[in-house]
C-alpha atoms as a PDB file:
ATOM      1  CA  MET A   1      45.155  31.449   3.860  1.00  0.00           C
ATOM      2  CA  ALA A   2      44.935  27.993   5.771  1.00  0.00           C
ATOM      3  CA  VAL A   3      42.090  26.108   5.017  1.00  0.00           C
ATOM      4  CA  VAL A   4      40.438  23.003   6.924  1.00  0.00           C
ATOM      5  CA  ALA A   5      37.541  20.964   6.622  1.00  0.00           C
ATOM      6  CA  VAL A   6      34.887  20.524   8.700  1.00  0.00           C
ATOM      7  CA  PRO A   7      32.265  17.969   8.665  1.00  0.00           C
ATOM      8  CA  PHE A   8      28.978  19.393   8.961  1.00  0.00           C
ATOM      9  CA  PHE A   9      26.915  18.202  12.514  1.00  0.00           C
ATOM     10  CA  PRO A  10      25.911  20.155  15.354  1.00  0.00           C
ATOM     11  CA  SER A  11      27.738  18.733  17.911  1.00  0.00           C
ATOM     12  CA  THR A  12      31.154  19.848  16.005  1.00  0.00           C
ATOM     13  CA  ILE A  13      30.251  23.381  16.131  1.00  0.00           C
ATOM     14  CA  LEU A  14      29.102  22.933  19.335  1.00  0.00           C
ATOM     15  CA  LYS A  15      32.547  22.407  19.891  1.00  0.00           C
ATOM     16  CA  LEU A  16      34.312  24.580  17.978  1.00  0.00           C
ATOM     17  CA  ALA A  17      32.360  27.492  18.766  1.00  0.00           C
ATOM     18  CA  PRO A  18      34.109  28.262  22.713  1.00  0.00           C
ATOM     19  CA  LYS A  19      37.541  28.582  20.421  1.00  0.00           C
ATOM     20  CA  LEU A  20      36.463  31.219  18.065  1.00  0.00           C
ATOM     21  CA  SER A  21      34.477  33.902  20.046  1.00  0.00           C
ATOM     22  CA  SER A  22      37.021  35.531  19.629  1.00  0.00           C
ATOM     23  CA  PHE A  23      37.508  35.661  15.345  1.00  0.00           C
ATOM     24  CA  ILE A  24      35.021  37.990  13.168  1.00  0.00           C
ATOM     25  CA  PHE A  25      33.431  35.733  10.470  1.00  0.00           C
ATOM     26  CA  ASP A  26      32.817  36.419   7.279  1.00  0.00           C
ATOM     27  CA  ILE A  27      29.874  33.948   4.984  1.00  0.00           C
ATOM     28  CA  HIS A  28      31.348  33.035   1.625  1.00  0.00           C
ATOM     29  CA  VAL A  29      28.241  31.893  -0.602  1.00  0.00           C
ATOM     30  CA  SER A  30      30.490  28.367  -2.140  1.00  0.00           C
ATOM     31  CA  PRO A  31      29.492  27.795  -6.517  1.00  0.00           C
ATOM     32  CA  ALA A  32      26.708  27.017  -8.158  1.00  0.00           C
ATOM     33  CA  PHE A  33      28.847  23.139  -8.439  1.00  0.00           C
ATOM     34  CA  SER A  34      29.343  22.812  -4.619  1.00  0.00           C
ATOM     35  CA  SER A  35      25.700  23.519  -3.014  1.00  0.00           C
ATOM     36  CA  PHE A  36      26.076  21.531   0.117  1.00  0.00           C
ATOM     37  CA  SER A  37      29.173  23.104   1.323  1.00  0.00           C
ATOM     38  CA  LEU A  38      29.662  26.310   2.824  1.00  0.00           C
ATOM     39  CA  ALA A  39      32.953  28.653   3.284  1.00  0.00           C
ATOM     40  CA  PHE A  40      33.171  30.694   6.276  1.00  0.00           C
ATOM     41  CA  SER A  41      36.957  33.577   6.896  1.00  0.00           C
ATOM     42  CA  ALA A  42      37.031  33.635  10.034  1.00  0.00           C
ATOM     43  CA  THR A  43      39.667  36.718  10.866  1.00  0.00           C
ATOM     44  CA  ASN A  44      41.012  37.524  14.044  1.00  0.00           C
ATOM     45  CA  CYS A  45      39.907  40.466  16.028  1.00  0.00           C
ATOM     46  CA  ASN A  46      43.822  41.449  17.853  1.00  0.00           C
ATOM     47  CA  ASN A  47      46.125  40.709  14.756  1.00  0.00           C
ATOM     48  CA  PHE A  48      43.974  41.045  11.426  1.00  0.00           C
ATOM     49  CA  THR A  49      47.132  39.196   9.487  1.00  0.00           C
ATOM     50  CA  ASN A  50      45.793  35.989  10.189  1.00  0.00           C
ATOM     51  CA  ARG A  51      43.675  34.414   7.885  1.00  0.00           C
ATOM     52  CA  PHE A  52      41.347  31.440   7.179  1.00  0.00           C
ATOM     53  CA  THR A  53      39.009  29.411   6.295  1.00  0.00           C
ATOM     54  CA  PHE A  54      36.629  25.856   8.094  1.00  0.00           C
ATOM     55  CA  ARG A  55      34.498  24.746   4.969  1.00  0.00           C
ATOM     56  CA  LEU A  56      30.875  23.211   6.619  1.00  0.00           C
ATOM     57  CA  THR A  57      30.635  20.480   3.937  1.00  0.00           C
ATOM     58  CA  ASN A  58      27.670  17.633   4.576  1.00  0.00           C
ATOM     59  CA  PRO A  59      30.065  13.780   4.338  1.00  0.00           C
ATOM     60  CA  ARG A  60      27.089  12.348   2.541  1.00  0.00           C
ATOM     61  CA  LYS A  61      26.212  14.606  -0.418  1.00  0.00           C
ATOM     62  CA  LEU A  62      29.974  15.460  -2.125  1.00  0.00           C
ATOM     63  CA  ARG A  63      29.659  15.828  -5.560  1.00  0.00           C
ATOM     64  CA  ARG A  64      32.693  15.951  -7.458  1.00  0.00           C
ATOM     65  CA  ASN A  65      33.288  19.105  -9.970  1.00  0.00           C
ATOM     66  CA  PRO A  66      32.643  18.486 -13.467  1.00  0.00           C
ATOM     67  CA  ARG A  67      35.324  18.704 -15.759  1.00  0.00           C
ATOM     68  CA  PRO A  68      36.372  22.399 -17.490  1.00  0.00           C
ATOM     69  CA  PRO A  69      34.778  23.224 -20.474  1.00  0.00           C
ATOM     70  CA  SER A  70      37.718  22.553 -21.591  1.00  0.00           C
ATOM     71  CA  ALA A  71      39.173  19.766 -20.681  1.00  0.00           C
ATOM     72  CA  ALA A  72      37.026  18.021 -23.910  1.00  0.00           C
ATOM     73  CA  MET A  73      39.373  20.105 -26.671  1.00  0.00           C
ATOM     74  CA  ILE A  74      41.511  18.595 -28.739  1.00  0.00           C
ATOM     75  CA  PHE A  75      44.302  21.022 -28.091  1.00  0.00           C
ATOM     76  CA  PRO A  76      42.792  23.012 -25.528  1.00  0.00           C
ATOM     77  CA  GLN A  77      46.101  26.405 -25.668  1.00  0.00           C
ATOM     78  CA  ASN A  78      44.743  26.754 -29.772  1.00  0.00           C
ATOM     79  CA  PRO A  79      40.807  26.822 -29.783  1.00  0.00           C
ATOM     80  CA  VAL A  80      41.089  27.737 -33.303  1.00  0.00           C
ATOM     81  CA  ILE A  81      42.993  24.833 -34.452  1.00  0.00           C
ATOM     82  CA  SER A  82      40.715  22.729 -31.363  1.00  0.00           C
ATOM     83  CA  ASP A  83      37.317  23.573 -33.450  1.00  0.00           C
ATOM     84  CA  ILE A  84      38.626  23.092 -36.653  1.00  0.00           C
ATOM     85  CA  CYS A  85      39.962  19.586 -35.707  1.00  0.00           C
ATOM     86  CA  ALA A  86      36.547  18.972 -33.694  1.00  0.00           C
ATOM     87  CA  THR A  87      34.655  19.818 -37.630  1.00  0.00           C
ATOM     88  CA  LEU A  88      36.580  16.878 -38.939  1.00  0.00           C
ATOM     89  CA  PHE A  89      36.666  14.596 -37.084  1.00  0.00           C
ATOM     90  CA  SER A  90      32.815  15.023 -35.912  1.00  0.00           C
ATOM     91  CA  GLY A  91      32.331  14.743 -39.166  1.00  0.00           C
ATOM     92  CA  SER A  92      34.355  11.894 -39.996  1.00  0.00           C
ATOM     93  CA  VAL A  93      32.166  10.191 -37.747  1.00  0.00           C
ATOM     94  CA  ALA A  94      28.431  11.583 -38.653  1.00  0.00           C
ATOM     95  CA  LEU A  95      29.856  10.353 -41.873  1.00  0.00           C
ATOM     96  CA  SER A  96      31.711   7.164 -41.112  1.00  0.00           C
ATOM     97  CA  VAL A  97      27.912   5.557 -39.654  1.00  0.00           C
ATOM     98  CA  LEU A  98      26.382   6.819 -43.032  1.00  0.00           C
ATOM     99  CA  ARG A  99      27.557   4.701 -44.764  1.00  0.00           C
ATOM    100  CA  VAL A 100      27.306   1.563 -42.148  1.00  0.00           C
ATOM    101  CA  TRP A 101      23.712   1.666 -42.321  1.00  0.00           C
ATOM    102  CA  GLU A 102      24.306   2.369 -46.440  1.00  0.00           C
ATOM    103  CA  GLU A 103      25.995  -0.555 -46.810  1.00  0.00           C
ATOM    104  CA  THR A 104      23.134  -2.713 -44.387  1.00  0.00           C
ATOM    105  CA  ALA A 105      20.585  -1.003 -47.028  1.00  0.00           C
ATOM    106  CA  LYS A 106      22.586  -2.459 -49.987  1.00  0.00           C
ATOM    107  CA  ARG A 107      23.049  -5.317 -48.909  1.00  0.00           C
ATOM    108  CA  ARG A 108      19.662  -5.970 -47.142  1.00  0.00           C
ATOM    109  CA  LEU A 109      20.589  -6.725 -44.163  1.00  0.00           C
ATOM    110  CA  PHE A 110      17.962  -5.441 -42.194  1.00  0.00           C
ATOM    111  CA  ASP A 111      14.299  -4.372 -43.891  1.00  0.00           C
ATOM    112  CA  GLN A 112      14.116  -0.474 -45.854  1.00  0.00           C
ATOM    113  CA  LYS A 113      12.336   0.489 -43.185  1.00  0.00           C
ATOM    114  CA  LEU A 114      13.279  -0.485 -40.310  1.00  0.00           C
ATOM    115  CA  ASN A 115      17.290   0.668 -41.407  1.00  0.00           C
ATOM    116  CA  ARG A 116      15.824   3.977 -42.422  1.00  0.00           C
ATOM    117  CA  LYS A 117      14.464   4.042 -38.526  1.00  0.00           C
ATOM    118  CA  LEU A 118      18.688   2.261 -37.277  1.00  0.00           C
ATOM    119  CA  VAL A 119      19.740   6.048 -39.251  1.00  0.00           C
ATOM    120  CA  HIS A 120      17.389   8.009 -37.672  1.00  0.00           C
ATOM    121  CA  ILE A 121      17.941   6.944 -34.072  1.00  0.00           C
ATOM    122  CA  SER A 122      21.949   6.715 -34.703  1.00  0.00           C
ATOM    123  CA  ILE A 123      22.352   9.938 -36.193  1.00  0.00           C
ATOM    124  CA  GLY A 124      21.993  12.766 -34.093  1.00  0.00           C
ATOM    125  CA  LEU A 125      22.543  10.751 -30.938  1.00  0.00           C
ATOM    126  CA  VAL A 126      25.947  10.295 -32.471  1.00  0.00           C
ATOM    127  CA  PHE A 127      26.455  13.804 -33.313  1.00  0.00           C
ATOM    128  CA  MET A 128      25.737  15.035 -29.649  1.00  0.00           C
ATOM    129  CA  LEU A 129      28.440  12.866 -28.063  1.00  0.00           C
ATOM    130  CA  CYS A 130      30.745  14.875 -30.114  1.00  0.00           C
ATOM    131  CA  TRP A 131      29.796  18.521 -28.935  1.00  0.00           C
ATOM    132  CA  PRO A 132      32.257  18.735 -25.854  1.00  0.00           C
ATOM    133  CA  LEU A 133      35.336  18.365 -28.503  1.00  0.00           C
ATOM    134  CA  PHE A 134      34.560  21.832 -29.741  1.00  0.00           C
ATOM    135  CA  SER A 135      35.009  24.864 -28.004  1.00  0.00           C
ATOM    136  CA  SER A 136      33.006  27.995 -26.068  1.00  0.00           C
ATOM    137  CA  GLY A 137      30.812  30.514 -27.906  1.00  0.00           C
ATOM    138  CA  TYR A 138      29.122  31.538 -31.333  1.00  0.00           C
ATOM    139  CA  ARG A 139      32.361  29.532 -32.794  1.00  0.00           C
ATOM    140  CA  GLY A 140      32.278  26.543 -31.561  1.00  0.00           C
ATOM    141  CA  ALA A 141      28.160  26.196 -32.382  1.00  0.00           C
ATOM    142  CA  ILE A 142      28.350  27.741 -35.583  1.00  0.00           C
ATOM    143  CA  LEU A 143      31.572  24.917 -36.539  1.00  0.00           C
ATOM    144  CA  ALA A 144      29.255  22.652 -35.303  1.00  0.00           C
ATOM    145  CA  ALA A 145      26.316  23.437 -37.120  1.00  0.00           C
ATOM    146  CA  ILE A 146      28.540  22.708 -40.469  1.00  0.00           C
ATOM    147  CA  THR A 147      28.286  19.073 -40.717  1.00  0.00           C
ATOM    148  CA  PRO A 148      24.445  19.065 -40.423  1.00  0.00           C
ATOM    149  CA  GLY A 149      24.289  21.937 -41.933  1.00  0.00           C
ATOM    150  CA  VAL A 150      26.869  19.919 -45.060  1.00  0.00           C
ATOM    151  CA  ASN A 151      24.193  17.544 -44.956  1.00  0.00           C
ATOM    152  CA  ILE A 152      21.153  20.672 -45.208  1.00  0.00           C
ATOM    153  CA  ILE A 153      22.926  20.724 -48.927  1.00  0.00           C
ATOM    154  CA  ARG A 154      22.911  16.766 -49.750  1.00  0.00           C
ATOM    155  CA  MET A 155      19.599  16.063 -49.116  1.00  0.00           C
ATOM    156  CA  LEU A 156      18.455  19.478 -51.480  1.00  0.00           C
ATOM    157  CA  LEU A 157      21.297  18.069 -54.267  1.00  0.00           C
ATOM    158  CA  ILE A 158      19.842  13.630 -54.465  1.00  0.00           C
ATOM    159  CA  GLY A 159      16.026  15.087 -53.223  1.00  0.00           C
ATOM    160  CA  SER A 160      15.962  17.308 -56.208  1.00  0.00           C
ATOM    161  CA  GLY A 161      17.459  14.625 -59.099  1.00  0.00           C
ATOM    162  CA  ILE A 162      21.005  17.178 -59.676  1.00  0.00           C
ATOM    163  CA  TRP A 163      22.996  13.632 -57.358  1.00  0.00           C
ATOM    164  CA  LYS A 164      22.290  10.599 -57.936  1.00  0.00           C
ATOM    165  CA  ASP A 165      23.061   8.283 -54.599  1.00  0.00           C
ATOM    166  CA  GLU A 166      20.823   5.332 -54.765  1.00  0.00           C
ATOM    167  CA  ALA A 167      22.527   3.972 -51.226  1.00  0.00           C
ATOM    168  CA  THR A 168      21.393   6.970 -49.090  1.00  0.00           C
ATOM    169  CA  VAL A 169      17.852   7.198 -50.559  1.00  0.00           C
ATOM    170  CA  LYS A 170      17.424   2.944 -50.010  1.00  0.00           C
ATOM    171  CA  SER A 171      18.964   3.871 -46.023  1.00  0.00           C
ATOM    172  CA  MET A 172      16.454   7.253 -45.907  1.00  0.00           C
ATOM    173  CA  SER A 173      13.956   6.849 -47.904  1.00  0.00           C
ATOM    174  CA  ARG A 174      10.617   4.645 -47.131  1.00  0.00           C
ATOM    175  CA  TYR A 175       9.774   3.277 -50.412  1.00  0.00           C
ATOM    176  CA  GLY A 176      12.772   4.546 -52.679  1.00  0.00           C
ATOM    177  CA  ASP A 177      12.136   7.143 -54.044  1.00  0.00           C
ATOM    178  CA  TYR A 178      14.619   9.919 -53.994  1.00  0.00           C
ATOM    179  CA  ARG A 179      12.078  12.985 -53.781  1.00  0.00           C
ATOM    180  CA  GLU A 180      11.256  11.481 -50.078  1.00  0.00           C
ATOM    181  CA  LEU A 181      14.896  13.434 -48.546  1.00  0.00           C
ATOM    182  CA  LEU A 182      13.063  16.381 -49.530  1.00  0.00           C
ATOM    183  CA  LYS A 183      10.896  16.087 -46.152  1.00  0.00           C
ATOM    184  CA  GLY A 184      11.767  13.482 -43.109  1.00  0.00           C
ATOM    185  CA  PRO A 185      15.710  13.455 -43.745  1.00  0.00           C
ATOM    186  CA  LEU A 186      15.769  17.155 -44.842  1.00  0.00           C
ATOM    187  CA  TYR A 187      13.731  18.679 -41.602  1.00  0.00           C
ATOM    188  CA  TYR A 188      16.017  15.725 -39.576  1.00  0.00           C
ATOM    189  CA  ALA A 189      18.945  17.731 -41.143  1.00  0.00           C
ATOM    190  CA  THR A 190      17.782  21.239 -39.872  1.00  0.00           C
ATOM    191  CA  THR A 191      17.200  20.028 -36.713  1.00  0.00           C
ATOM    192  CA  ILE A 192      20.628  19.883 -35.719  1.00  0.00           C
ATOM    193  CA  THR A 193      21.495  22.439 -37.471  1.00  0.00           C
ATOM    194  CA  LEU A 194      19.481  24.888 -35.857  1.00  0.00           C
ATOM    195  CA  ALA A 195      19.980  23.272 -32.547  1.00  0.00           C
ATOM    196  CA  CYS A 196      23.637  23.243 -32.795  1.00  0.00           C
ATOM    197  CA  ALA A 197      23.834  27.419 -33.578  1.00  0.00           C
ATOM    198  CA  VAL A 198      20.615  28.758 -32.178  1.00  0.00           C
ATOM    199  CA  TYR A 199      20.508  26.490 -29.033  1.00  0.00           C
ATOM    200  CA  TRP A 200      23.791  24.804 -28.819  1.00  0.00           C
ATOM    201  CA  ARG A 201      24.929  22.085 -26.259  1.00  0.00           C
ATOM    202  CA  THR A 202      23.714  24.849 -22.709  1.00  0.00           C
ATOM    203  CA  SER A 203      20.195  24.803 -23.733  1.00  0.00           C
ATOM    204  CA  PRO A 204      18.141  22.139 -22.169  1.00  0.00           C
ATOM    205  CA  ILE A 205      15.877  22.738 -25.326  1.00  0.00           C
ATOM    206  CA  ALA A 206      18.355  21.449 -27.440  1.00  0.00           C
ATOM    207  CA  ILE A 207      18.774  18.250 -26.191  1.00  0.00           C
ATOM    208  CA  ALA A 208      14.756  17.588 -26.221  1.00  0.00           C
ATOM    209  CA  ALA A 209      14.974  18.600 -30.107  1.00  0.00           C
ATOM    210  CA  ILE A 210      17.712  16.245 -31.113  1.00  0.00           C
ATOM    211  CA  CYS A 211      16.496  13.298 -27.942  1.00  0.00           C
ATOM    212  CA  ASN A 212      12.858  13.176 -29.095  1.00  0.00           C
ATOM    213  CA  LEU A 213      13.187  13.547 -32.404  1.00  0.00           C
ATOM    214  CA  CYS A 214      15.842  11.183 -32.800  1.00  0.00           C
ATOM    215  CA  ALA A 215      15.193   8.419 -30.230  1.00  0.00           C
ATOM    216  CA  GLY A 216      11.950   9.209 -29.773  1.00  0.00           C
ATOM    217  CA  ASP A 217       9.977   9.785 -32.948  1.00  0.00           C
ATOM    218  CA  GLY A 218      12.715   6.654 -34.138  1.00  0.00           C
ATOM    219  CA  LEU A 219      11.689   3.765 -31.642  1.00  0.00           C
ATOM    220  CA  ALA A 220       8.096   4.748 -31.534  1.00  0.00           C
ATOM    221  CA  ASP A 221       8.325   3.398 -35.520  1.00  0.00           C
ATOM    222  CA  VAL A 222      10.519   0.522 -34.432  1.00  0.00           C
ATOM    223  CA  VAL A 223       8.327  -0.073 -31.451  1.00  0.00           C
ATOM    224  CA  GLY A 224       4.845   0.451 -32.957  1.00  0.00           C
ATOM    225  CA  ARG A 225       5.521  -1.774 -35.852  1.00  0.00           C
ATOM    226  CA  ARG A 226       5.785  -4.942 -34.018  1.00  0.00           C
ATOM    227  CA  PHE A 227       3.923  -4.267 -31.064  1.00  0.00           C
ATOM    228  CA  GLY A 228       1.690  -1.544 -31.750  1.00  0.00           C
ATOM    229  CA  ARG A 229      -1.014  -4.195 -32.066  1.00  0.00           C
ATOM    230  CA  GLN A 230      -4.022  -2.126 -30.095  1.00  0.00           C
ATOM    231  CA  LYS A 231      -4.587   1.562 -32.228  1.00  0.00           C
ATOM    232  CA  LEU A 232      -5.329   4.924 -30.605  1.00  0.00           C
ATOM    233  CA  PRO A 233      -9.231   6.026 -31.081  1.00  0.00           C
ATOM    234  CA  TYR A 234      -8.084   8.745 -32.867  1.00  0.00           C
ATOM    235  CA  ASN A 235      -5.564   7.855 -34.982  1.00  0.00           C
ATOM    236  CA  ARG A 236      -5.917   4.183 -36.499  1.00  0.00           C
ATOM    237  CA  ASN A 237      -2.515   4.853 -38.485  1.00  0.00           C
ATOM    238  CA  LYS A 238      -0.452   5.075 -34.467  1.00  0.00           C
ATOM    239  CA  SER A 239       0.144   2.500 -31.627  1.00  0.00           C
ATOM    240  CA  ILE A 240      -0.271   3.179 -27.991  1.00  0.00           C
ATOM    241  CA  ALA A 241       2.343   1.447 -28.086  1.00  0.00           C
ATOM    242  CA  GLY A 242       4.152   3.148 -30.503  1.00  0.00           C
ATOM    243  CA  SER A 243       2.936   6.102 -28.098  1.00  0.00           C
ATOM    244  CA  VAL A 244       4.041   5.002 -24.616  1.00  0.00           C
ATOM    245  CA  ALA A 245       7.336   3.971 -26.075  1.00  0.00           C
ATOM    246  CA  MET A 246       8.382   7.399 -27.705  1.00  0.00           C
ATOM    247  CA  ALA A 247       7.715   9.363 -24.034  1.00  0.00           C
ATOM    248  CA  THR A 248       9.803   6.640 -23.018  1.00  0.00           C
ATOM    249  CA  ALA A 249      12.092   6.935 -25.552  1.00  0.00           C
ATOM    250  CA  GLY A 250      12.553  10.567 -25.653  1.00  0.00           C
ATOM    251  CA  PHE A 251      12.511  11.362 -21.997  1.00  0.00           C
ATOM    252  CA  LEU A 252      15.176   8.717 -20.867  1.00  0.00           C
ATOM    253  CA  THR A 253      17.767  10.243 -23.556  1.00  0.00           C
ATOM    254  CA  SER A 254      17.125  13.711 -22.516  1.00  0.00           C
ATOM    255  CA  VAL A 255      18.092  13.039 -19.059  1.00  0.00           C
ATOM    256  CA  GLY A 256      20.731  11.378 -20.045  1.00  0.00           C
ATOM    257  CA  TYR A 257      22.844  13.527 -22.240  1.00  0.00           C
ATOM    258  CA  MET A 258      21.494  16.209 -19.136  1.00  0.00           C
ATOM    259  CA  TYR A 259      23.760  14.391 -16.990  1.00  0.00           C
ATOM    260  CA  TYR A 260      26.790  14.062 -19.626  1.00  0.00           C
ATOM    261  CA  PHE A 261      26.407  17.966 -20.549  1.00  0.00           C
ATOM    262  CA  SER A 262      27.059  18.335 -16.714  1.00  0.00           C
ATOM    263  CA  TYR A 263      29.767  16.379 -16.419  1.00  0.00           C
ATOM    264  CA  PHE A 264      31.607  18.618 -18.124  1.00  0.00           C
ATOM    265  CA  GLY A 265      29.653  21.531 -16.501  1.00  0.00           C
ATOM    266  CA  TYR A 266      27.714  22.868 -19.085  1.00  0.00           C
ATOM    267  CA  ILE A 267      24.404  22.605 -17.986  1.00  0.00           C
ATOM    268  CA  GLN A 268      23.863  22.296 -14.190  1.00  0.00           C
ATOM    269  CA  GLU A 269      21.822  18.418 -13.465  1.00  0.00           C
ATOM    270  CA  SER A 270      18.331  19.624 -11.509  1.00  0.00           C
ATOM    271  CA  TRP A 271      15.109  18.070 -11.027  1.00  0.00           C
ATOM    272  CA  GLU A 272      13.150  21.118 -12.252  1.00  0.00           C
ATOM    273  CA  ILE A 273      15.153  20.013 -16.175  1.00  0.00           C
ATOM    274  CA  VAL A 274      13.693  16.629 -15.376  1.00  0.00           C
ATOM    275  CA  LEU A 275      10.206  17.538 -15.118  1.00  0.00           C
ATOM    276  CA  GLY A 276      10.766  19.817 -18.607  1.00  0.00           C
ATOM    277  CA  PHE A 277      12.298  17.009 -19.694  1.00  0.00           C
ATOM    278  CA  LEU A 278       9.339  15.029 -19.805  1.00  0.00           C
ATOM    279  CA  VAL A 279       6.719  17.593 -19.942  1.00  0.00           C
ATOM    280  CA  VAL A 280       7.884  18.343 -23.423  1.00  0.00           C
ATOM    281  CA  SER A 281       8.710  14.694 -24.387  1.00  0.00           C
ATOM    282  CA  LEU A 282       5.037  14.153 -24.001  1.00  0.00           C
ATOM    283  CA  ALA A 283       3.641  16.886 -25.480  1.00  0.00           C
ATOM    284  CA  SER A 284       5.355  14.984 -28.453  1.00  0.00           C
ATOM    285  CA  ALA A 285       4.577  11.831 -28.413  1.00  0.00           C
ATOM    286  CA  LEU A 286       0.827  13.526 -28.153  1.00  0.00           C
ATOM    287  CA  VAL A 287       1.717  15.730 -31.426  1.00  0.00           C
ATOM    288  CA  GLU A 288       3.175  12.864 -32.812  1.00  0.00           C
ATOM    289  CA  SER A 289       0.075  10.452 -32.516  1.00  0.00           C
ATOM    290  CA  LEU A 290      -2.342  12.950 -34.156  1.00  0.00           C
ATOM    291  CA  PRO A 291      -3.230  12.453 -37.520  1.00  0.00           C
ATOM    292  CA  ILE A 292      -1.918  16.468 -38.682  1.00  0.00           C
ATOM    293  CA  SER A 293       1.358  14.975 -37.909  1.00  0.00           C
ATOM    294  CA  THR A 294       1.030  12.100 -41.187  1.00  0.00           C
ATOM    295  CA  GLU A 295      -0.145  14.882 -43.279  1.00  0.00           C
ATOM    296  CA  LEU A 296       2.436  16.915 -42.985  1.00  0.00           C
ATOM    297  CA  ASP A 297       5.430  15.063 -41.220  1.00  0.00           C
ATOM    298  CA  ASP A 298       6.557  14.045 -38.134  1.00  0.00           C
ATOM    299  CA  ASN A 299       9.725  14.830 -38.102  1.00  0.00           C
ATOM    300  CA  LEU A 300       8.852  18.421 -38.371  1.00  0.00           C
ATOM    301  CA  THR A 301       5.720  18.147 -36.172  1.00  0.00           C
ATOM    302  CA  VAL A 302       7.639  17.111 -33.265  1.00  0.00           C
ATOM    303  CA  THR A 303      10.833  19.617 -33.465  1.00  0.00           C
ATOM    304  CA  LEU A 304       8.222  22.618 -33.406  1.00  0.00           C
ATOM    305  CA  THR A 305       6.586  21.055 -30.643  1.00  0.00           C
ATOM    306  CA  SER A 306      10.067  20.117 -28.508  1.00  0.00           C
ATOM    307  CA  ILE A 307      11.190  23.902 -29.888  1.00  0.00           C
ATOM    308  CA  LEU A 308       8.118  25.375 -28.482  1.00  0.00           C
ATOM    309  CA  VAL A 309       7.166  23.669 -25.456  1.00  0.00           C
ATOM    310  CA  GLY A 310      10.786  23.179 -24.227  1.00  0.00           C
ATOM    311  CA  THR A 311      10.866  27.933 -24.623  1.00  0.00           C
ATOM    312  CA  LEU A 312       8.269  27.762 -22.283  1.00  0.00           C
ATOM    313  CA  VAL A 313       9.712  25.256 -19.851  1.00  0.00           C
ATOM    314  CA  PHE A 314      12.872  25.639 -19.347  1.00  0.00           C
END
């Protein structure tokens, strides 16, 4: 079968029409990732063995097909070994980032609250960059969830006083109390674990939950402390600047990861998803600004809001 690329101009079709009168056309719907093209199969009425295809495309809207999901795997020919290596690699990356912030906390290079927020912002987002290394399917999702799952156990042990780790306490707590790890840091690790095991990389809900928790909530505190002179009328502990920063950072980061995962073929970008991210980020910023988030924990309220609203809009 011969394949001919024909630019999608009306004048071209008019010129070809008389020459194609002796053919029977069979229209084929284009693939999902080639939405700007149509494929026509033409069969000669006198000789059914001669077949060829015209592909009509819009040259101004040509898109590169995304990489197949297996392209980022370490060993595409052996998914099991590849997933094991991906688990070790992603765990090492996350641990390395954590060790960097633990070292900065020891050396007091940053204020303790700022250092804690740098951990908060970076760990989840860096770990999410490693998701394409895993295979598609439930096994890849479960193995990816091992790294944050181990961190859940770690938070429980340190937060309960069974395991002594002053560096981790300094880098993750507000006031240096190890029991704080049983709240925000534990909710943080749980969110990423559930995002892997339940929603995974094909779901906008997973993207929205992690991005609003990490980038949104993290930058809200940093910006709010520095520029938050004007407080919210219904919560004097929160600022307008912090809430705006949270909604903006959560939204932009979500859109960025949408394009990142769409490059590998896990999700297809669309304006509907972008609008959904905007709704989720605004709702998360609103809930985070309420007094109840201070009483409970914003790591918990932001996550629940992202999941609940995301379930409605996606």
